[in-house]
Amino acid sequence: MSQMVYKAGGNEVIWSIKCSYKIINDDEVEQHLSDGWVDHPHKMLNPAEPEPEKKSTRKKKADNDESNNEV
């Protein structure tokens, strides 16, 4: 069987992350992991950095729904 491994900083974009990837045999996974490759694209993100945010196109709801029509 085979598996993909990923390394940050390549020319490919996978899940909005620029990286390199390889398809390797299962018996090579441990060696690649010890060489800095990861087995899931999200593991390339620095835990101190938040994941890239998706921009919302929705307008924010007004803080106060009351009208300013005081009598």
PDB file of N, CA and C in Angstrom:
ATOM      1  N   MET A   1       0.840  -1.174   0.000  1.00  0.00           N
ATOM      2  CA  MET A   1       0.000   0.000   0.000  1.00  0.00           C
ATOM      3  C   MET A   1       0.890   1.245   0.000  1.00  0.00           C
ATOM      4  N   SER A   2       0.326   2.391  -0.333  1.00  0.00           N
ATOM      5  CA  SER A   2       1.121   3.616  -0.371  1.00  0.00           C
ATOM      6  C   SER A   2       0.445   4.732   0.426  1.00  0.00           C
ATOM      7  N   GLN A   3       1.211   5.761   0.705  1.00  0.00           N
ATOM      8  CA  GLN A   3       0.724   6.879   1.510  1.00  0.00           C
ATOM      9  C   GLN A   3       1.398   8.160   1.038  1.00  0.00           C
ATOM     10  N   MET A   4       0.693   9.277   1.178  1.00  0.00           N
ATOM     11  CA  MET A   4       1.282  10.570   0.848  1.00  0.00           C
ATOM     12  C   MET A   4       1.923  11.155   2.092  1.00  0.00           C
ATOM     13  N   VAL A   5       3.050  11.823   1.906  1.00  0.00           N
ATOM     14  CA  VAL A   5       3.684  12.597   2.969  1.00  0.00           C
ATOM     15  C   VAL A   5       3.917  14.008   2.428  1.00  0.00           C
ATOM     16  N   TYR A   6       3.990  14.975   3.333  1.00  0.00           N
ATOM     17  CA  TYR A   6       4.027  16.380   2.946  1.00  0.00           C
ATOM     18  C   TYR A   6       5.162  17.103   3.664  1.00  0.00           C
ATOM     19  N   LYS A   7       5.675  18.152   3.014  1.00  0.00           N
ATOM     20  CA  LYS A   7       6.699  18.990   3.626  1.00  0.00           C
ATOM     21  C   LYS A   7       6.397  20.433   3.218  1.00  0.00           C
ATOM     22  N   ALA A   8       6.416  21.339   4.180  1.00  0.00           N
ATOM     23  CA  ALA A   8       6.097  22.741   3.917  1.00  0.00           C
ATOM     24  C   ALA A   8       7.116  23.372   2.975  1.00  0.00           C
ATOM     25  N   GLY A   9       6.627  24.336   2.166  1.00  0.00           N
ATOM     26  CA  GLY A   9       7.527  25.132   1.359  1.00  0.00           C
ATOM     27  C   GLY A   9       7.786  24.638  -0.049  1.00  0.00           C
ATOM     28  N   GLY A  10       6.851  23.987  -0.661  1.00  0.00           N
ATOM     29  CA  GLY A  10       7.048  23.539  -2.032  1.00  0.00           C
ATOM     30  C   GLY A  10       6.251  24.384  -3.016  1.00  0.00           C
ATOM     31  N   ASN A  11       6.068  23.868  -4.217  1.00  0.00           N
ATOM     32  CA  ASN A  11       5.344  24.585  -5.259  1.00  0.00           C
ATOM     33  C   ASN A  11       3.884  24.184  -5.377  1.00  0.00           C
ATOM     34  N   GLU A  12       3.483  23.128  -4.703  1.00  0.00           N
ATOM     35  CA  GLU A  12       2.099  22.669  -4.761  1.00  0.00           C
ATOM     36  C   GLU A  12       1.291  23.352  -3.659  1.00  0.00           C
ATOM     37  N   VAL A  13      -0.014  23.498  -3.876  1.00  0.00           N
ATOM     38  CA  VAL A  13      -0.898  24.049  -2.848  1.00  0.00           C
ATOM     39  C   VAL A  13      -1.926  22.984  -2.517  1.00  0.00           C
ATOM     40  N   ILE A  14      -1.881  22.527  -1.278  1.00  0.00           N
ATOM     41  CA  ILE A  14      -2.815  21.512  -0.801  1.00  0.00           C
ATOM     42  C   ILE A  14      -3.485  22.072   0.443  1.00  0.00           C
ATOM     43  N   TRP A  15      -4.800  22.171   0.401  1.00  0.00           N
ATOM     44  CA  TRP A  15      -5.592  22.710   1.501  1.00  0.00           C
ATOM     45  C   TRP A  15      -5.089  24.101   1.884  1.00  0.00           C
ATOM     46  N   SER A  16      -4.817  24.924   0.902  1.00  0.00           N
ATOM     47  CA  SER A  16      -4.339  26.313   1.076  1.00  0.00           C
ATOM     48  C   SER A  16      -2.953  26.405   1.701  1.00  0.00           C
ATOM     49  N   ILE A  17      -2.174  25.339   1.639  1.00  0.00           N
ATOM     50  CA  ILE A  17      -0.833  25.326   2.215  1.00  0.00           C
ATOM     51  C   ILE A  17       0.158  24.987   1.101  1.00  0.00           C
ATOM     52  N   LYS A  18       1.170  25.850   0.904  1.00  0.00           N
ATOM     53  CA  LYS A  18       2.200  25.552  -0.100  1.00  0.00           C
ATOM     54  C   LYS A  18       3.119  24.471   0.461  1.00  0.00           C
ATOM     55  N   CYS A  19       3.308  23.421  -0.315  1.00  0.00           N
ATOM     56  CA  CYS A  19       4.111  22.295   0.179  1.00  0.00           C
ATOM     57  C   CYS A  19       4.630  21.448  -0.973  1.00  0.00           C
ATOM     58  N   SER A  20       5.452  20.495  -0.608  1.00  0.00           N
ATOM     59  CA  SER A  20       5.868  19.419  -1.502  1.00  0.00           C
ATOM     60  C   SER A  20       5.200  18.156  -0.979  1.00  0.00           C
ATOM     61  N   TYR A  21       4.989  17.208  -1.861  1.00  0.00           N
ATOM     62  CA  TYR A  21       4.439  15.934  -1.399  1.00  0.00           C
ATOM     63  C   TYR A  21       5.061  14.785  -2.167  1.00  0.00           C
ATOM     64  N   LYS A  22       4.992  13.615  -1.560  1.00  0.00           N
ATOM     65  CA  LYS A  22       5.480  12.379  -2.179  1.00  0.00           C
ATOM     66  C   LYS A  22       4.475  11.282  -1.877  1.00  0.00           C
ATOM     67  N   ILE A  23       4.414  10.329  -2.766  1.00  0.00           N
ATOM     68  CA  ILE A  23       3.666   9.105  -2.506  1.00  0.00           C
ATOM     69  C   ILE A  23       4.710   8.027  -2.277  1.00  0.00           C
ATOM     70  N   ILE A  24       4.658   7.430  -1.090  1.00  0.00           N
ATOM     71  CA  ILE A  24       5.681   6.465  -0.697  1.00  0.00           C
ATOM     72  C   ILE A  24       5.035   5.155  -0.252  1.00  0.00           C
ATOM     73  N   ASN A  25       5.847   4.119  -0.167  1.00  0.00           N
ATOM     74  CA  ASN A  25       5.377   2.834   0.353  1.00  0.00           C
ATOM     75  C   ASN A  25       5.234   2.928   1.862  1.00  0.00           C
ATOM     76  N   ASP A  26       4.321   2.145   2.408  1.00  0.00           N
ATOM     77  CA  ASP A  26       4.079   2.151   3.851  1.00  0.00           C
ATOM     78  C   ASP A  26       5.337   1.872   4.663  1.00  0.00           C
ATOM     79  N   ASP A  27       6.228   1.049   4.152  1.00  0.00           N
ATOM     80  CA  ASP A  27       7.428   0.719   4.911  1.00  0.00           C
ATOM     81  C   ASP A  27       8.443   1.872   4.940  1.00  0.00           C
ATOM     82  N   GLU A  28       8.209   2.950   4.177  1.00  0.00           N
ATOM     83  CA  GLU A  28       9.106   4.108   4.162  1.00  0.00           C
ATOM     84  C   GLU A  28       8.591   5.273   5.009  1.00  0.00           C
ATOM     85  N   VAL A  29       7.386   5.146   5.562  1.00  0.00           N
ATOM     86  CA  VAL A  29       6.750   6.261   6.270  1.00  0.00           C
ATOM     87  C   VAL A  29       7.587   6.730   7.452  1.00  0.00           C
ATOM     88  N   GLU A  30       8.000   5.832   8.308  1.00  0.00           N
ATOM     89  CA  GLU A  30       8.751   6.217   9.512  1.00  0.00           C
ATOM     90  C   GLU A  30      10.028   6.966   9.166  1.00  0.00           C
ATOM     91  N   GLN A  31      10.732   6.531   8.149  1.00  0.00           N
ATOM     92  CA  GLN A  31      11.967   7.202   7.735  1.00  0.00           C
ATOM     93  C   GLN A  31      11.669   8.623   7.273  1.00  0.00           C
ATOM     94  N   HIS A  32      10.624   8.812   6.481  1.00  0.00           N
ATOM     95  CA  HIS A  32      10.277  10.152   5.994  1.00  0.00           C
ATOM     96  C   HIS A  32       9.807  11.057   7.135  1.00  0.00           C
ATOM     97  N   LEU A  33       9.044  10.502   8.069  1.00  0.00           N
ATOM     98  CA  LEU A  33       8.589  11.299   9.216  1.00  0.00           C
ATOM     99  C   LEU A  33       9.778  11.784  10.039  1.00  0.00           C
ATOM    100  N   SER A  34      10.786  10.942  10.196  1.00  0.00           N
ATOM    101  CA  SER A  34      11.973  11.346  10.956  1.00  0.00           C
ATOM    102  C   SER A  34      12.826  12.354  10.176  1.00  0.00           C
ATOM    103  N   ASP A  35      12.618  12.442   8.855  1.00  0.00           N
ATOM    104  CA  ASP A  35      13.342  13.410   8.024  1.00  0.00           C
ATOM    105  C   ASP A  35      12.593  14.731   7.863  1.00  0.00           C
ATOM    106  N   GLY A  36      11.493  14.916   8.611  1.00  0.00           N
ATOM    107  CA  GLY A  36      10.779  16.189   8.582  1.00  0.00           C
ATOM    108  C   GLY A  36       9.512  16.218   7.753  1.00  0.00           C
ATOM    109  N   TRP A  37       9.157  15.116   7.133  1.00  0.00           N
ATOM    110  CA  TRP A  37       7.904  15.046   6.404  1.00  0.00           C
ATOM    111  C   TRP A  37       6.780  14.774   7.398  1.00  0.00           C
ATOM    112  N   VAL A  38       5.543  15.096   7.038  1.00  0.00           N
ATOM    113  CA  VAL A  38       4.387  14.821   7.905  1.00  0.00           C
ATOM    114  C   VAL A  38       3.363  14.008   7.125  1.00  0.00           C
ATOM    115  N   ASP A  39       2.474  13.338   7.859  1.00  0.00           N
ATOM    116  CA  ASP A  39       1.501  12.470   7.195  1.00  0.00           C
ATOM    117  C   ASP A  39       0.139  13.122   6.971  1.00  0.00           C
ATOM    118  N   HIS A  40       0.016  14.425   7.317  1.00  0.00           N
ATOM    119  CA  HIS A  40      -1.237  15.146   7.089  1.00  0.00           C
ATOM    120  C   HIS A  40      -0.911  16.612   6.842  1.00  0.00           C
ATOM    121  N   PRO A  41      -1.541  17.259   5.859  1.00  0.00           N
ATOM    122  CA  PRO A  41      -1.206  18.649   5.531  1.00  0.00           C
ATOM    123  C   PRO A  41      -1.332  19.624   6.705  1.00  0.00           C
ATOM    124  N   HIS A  42      -2.298  19.447   7.574  1.00  0.00           N
ATOM    125  CA  HIS A  42      -2.459  20.370   8.701  1.00  0.00           C
ATOM    126  C   HIS A  42      -1.304  20.307   9.690  1.00  0.00           C
ATOM    127  N   LYS A  43      -0.558  19.240   9.683  1.00  0.00           N
ATOM    128  CA  LYS A  43       0.593  19.132  10.588  1.00  0.00           C
ATOM    129  C   LYS A  43       1.744  20.029  10.157  1.00  0.00           C
ATOM    130  N   MET A  44       1.644  20.632   8.962  1.00  0.00           N
ATOM    131  CA  MET A  44       2.673  21.569   8.519  1.00  0.00           C
ATOM    132  C   MET A  44       2.491  22.944   9.149  1.00  0.00           C
ATOM    133  N   LEU A  45       1.285  23.228   9.657  1.00  0.00           N
ATOM    134  CA  LEU A  45       1.026  24.524  10.274  1.00  0.00           C
ATOM    135  C   LEU A  45       1.717  24.609  11.616  1.00  0.00           C
ATOM    136  N   ASN A  46       2.268  25.766  11.910  1.00  0.00           N
ATOM    137  CA  ASN A  46       2.889  26.006  13.198  1.00  0.00           C
ATOM    138  C   ASN A  46       1.774  26.116  14.233  1.00  0.00           C
ATOM    139  N   PRO A  47       1.805  25.347  15.321  1.00  0.00           N
ATOM    140  CA  PRO A  47       0.735  25.407  16.313  1.00  0.00           C
ATOM    141  C   PRO A  47       0.557  26.797  16.913  1.00  0.00           C
ATOM    142  N   ALA A  48       1.581  27.646  16.867  1.00  0.00           N
ATOM    143  CA  ALA A  48       1.462  28.997  17.396  1.00  0.00           C
ATOM    144  C   ALA A  48       0.693  29.903  16.434  1.00  0.00           C
ATOM    145  N   GLU A  49       0.593  29.498  15.168  1.00  0.00           N
ATOM    146  CA  GLU A  49      -0.125  30.279  14.174  1.00  0.00           C
ATOM    147  C   GLU A  49      -1.522  29.707  13.987  1.00  0.00           C
ATOM    148  N   PRO A  50      -2.531  30.562  13.922  1.00  0.00           N
ATOM    149  CA  PRO A  50      -3.867  30.046  13.654  1.00  0.00           C
ATOM    150  C   PRO A  50      -3.982  29.611  12.198  1.00  0.00           C
ATOM    151  N   GLU A  51      -4.932  28.745  11.928  1.00  0.00           N
ATOM    152  CA  GLU A  51      -5.159  28.319  10.561  1.00  0.00           C
ATOM    153  C   GLU A  51      -5.630  29.508   9.737  1.00  0.00           C
ATOM    154  N   PRO A  52      -5.369  29.501   8.436  1.00  0.00           N
ATOM    155  CA  PRO A  52      -5.836  30.612   7.606  1.00  0.00           C
ATOM    156  C   PRO A  52      -7.345  30.764   7.719  1.00  0.00           C
ATOM    157  N   GLU A  53      -7.778  32.019   7.918  1.00  0.00           N
ATOM    158  CA  GLU A  53      -9.204  32.267   8.081  1.00  0.00           C
ATOM    159  C   GLU A  53      -9.868  32.439   6.733  1.00  0.00           C
ATOM    160  N   LYS A  54     -11.088  31.966   6.653  1.00  0.00           N
ATOM    161  CA  LYS A  54     -11.878  32.201   5.458  1.00  0.00           C
ATOM    162  C   LYS A  54     -12.599  33.524   5.663  1.00  0.00           C
ATOM    163  N   LYS A  55     -12.588  34.355   4.642  1.00  0.00           N
ATOM    164  CA  LYS A  55     -13.242  35.649   4.756  1.00  0.00           C
ATOM    165  C   LYS A  55     -14.739  35.479   4.590  1.00  0.00           C
ATOM    166  N   SER A  56     -15.472  36.085   5.485  1.00  0.00           N
ATOM    167  CA  SER A  56     -16.918  36.023   5.445  1.00  0.00           C
ATOM    168  C   SER A  56     -17.454  37.162   4.591  1.00  0.00           C
ATOM    169  N   THR A  57     -18.466  36.868   3.819  1.00  0.00           N
ATOM    170  CA  THR A  57     -19.106  37.903   3.006  1.00  0.00           C
ATOM    171  C   THR A  57     -20.373  38.418   3.680  1.00  0.00           C
ATOM    172  N   ARG A  58     -20.684  37.869   4.845  1.00  0.00           N
ATOM    173  CA  ARG A  58     -21.875  38.303   5.571  1.00  0.00           C
ATOM    174  C   ARG A  58     -21.597  39.580   6.337  1.00  0.00           C
ATOM    175  N   LYS A  59     -22.616  40.415   6.437  1.00  0.00           N
ATOM    176  CA  LYS A  59     -22.497  41.646   7.214  1.00  0.00           C
ATOM    177  C   LYS A  59     -22.682  41.319   8.683  1.00  0.00           C
ATOM    178  N   LYS A  60     -22.004  42.077   9.540  1.00  0.00           N
ATOM    179  CA  LYS A  60     -22.174  41.892  10.967  1.00  0.00           C
ATOM    180  C   LYS A  60     -23.553  42.378  11.382  1.00  0.00           C
ATOM    181  N   LYS A  61     -24.145  41.700  12.325  1.00  0.00           N
ATOM    182  CA  LYS A  61     -25.427  42.110  12.861  1.00  0.00           C
ATOM    183  C   LYS A  61     -25.205  43.335  13.731  1.00  0.00           C
ATOM    184  N   ALA A  62     -26.130  44.263  13.666  1.00  0.00           N
ATOM    185  CA  ALA A  62     -26.025  45.480  14.460  1.00  0.00           C
ATOM    186  C   ALA A  62     -26.034  45.121  15.944  1.00  0.00           C
ATOM    187  N   ASP A  63     -25.243  45.859  16.721  1.00  0.00           N
ATOM    188  CA  ASP A  63     -25.186  45.605  18.159  1.00  0.00           C
ATOM    189  C   ASP A  63     -26.508  45.918  18.839  1.00  0.00           C
ATOM    190  N   ASN A  64     -27.212  46.901  18.319  1.00  0.00           N
ATOM    191  CA  ASN A  64     -28.443  47.336  18.952  1.00  0.00           C
ATOM    192  C   ASN A  64     -29.529  47.376  17.891  1.00  0.00           C
ATOM    193  N   ASP A  65     -30.576  46.582  18.067  1.00  0.00           N
ATOM    194  CA  ASP A  65     -31.651  46.540  17.081  1.00  0.00           C
ATOM    195  C   ASP A  65     -32.671  47.656  17.292  1.00  0.00           C
ATOM    196  N   GLU A  66     -32.570  48.391  18.401  1.00  0.00           N
ATOM    197  CA  GLU A  66     -33.517  49.463  18.664  1.00  0.00           C
ATOM    198  C   GLU A  66     -33.283  50.625  17.714  1.00  0.00           C
ATOM    199  N   SER A  67     -34.332  51.248  17.320  1.00  0.00           N
ATOM    200  CA  SER A  67     -34.196  52.410  16.455  1.00  0.00           C
ATOM    201  C   SER A  67     -33.917  53.645  17.312  1.00  0.00           C
ATOM    202  N   ASN A  68     -33.419  54.672  16.719  1.00  0.00           N
ATOM    203  CA  ASN A  68     -33.110  55.910  17.438  1.00  0.00           C
ATOM    204  C   ASN A  68     -34.264  56.901  17.355  1.00  0.00           C
ATOM    205  N   ASN A  69     -35.477  56.416  17.232  1.00  0.00           N
ATOM    206  CA  ASN A  69     -36.665  57.255  17.128  1.00  0.00           C
ATOM    207  C   ASN A  69     -37.259  57.491  18.502  1.00  0.00           C
ATOM    208  N   GLU A  70     -36.549  58.155  19.357  1.00  0.00           N
ATOM    209  CA  GLU A  70     -37.063  58.428  20.694  1.00  0.00           C
ATOM    210  C   GLU A  70     -38.053  59.584  20.616  1.00  0.00           C
ATOM    211  N   VAL A  71     -39.119  59.508  21.428  1.00  0.00           N
ATOM    212  CA  VAL A  71     -40.140  60.552  21.417  1.00  0.00           C
ATOM    213  C   VAL A  71     -40.028  61.395  22.644  1.00  0.00           C
TER     214      VAL A  71
END
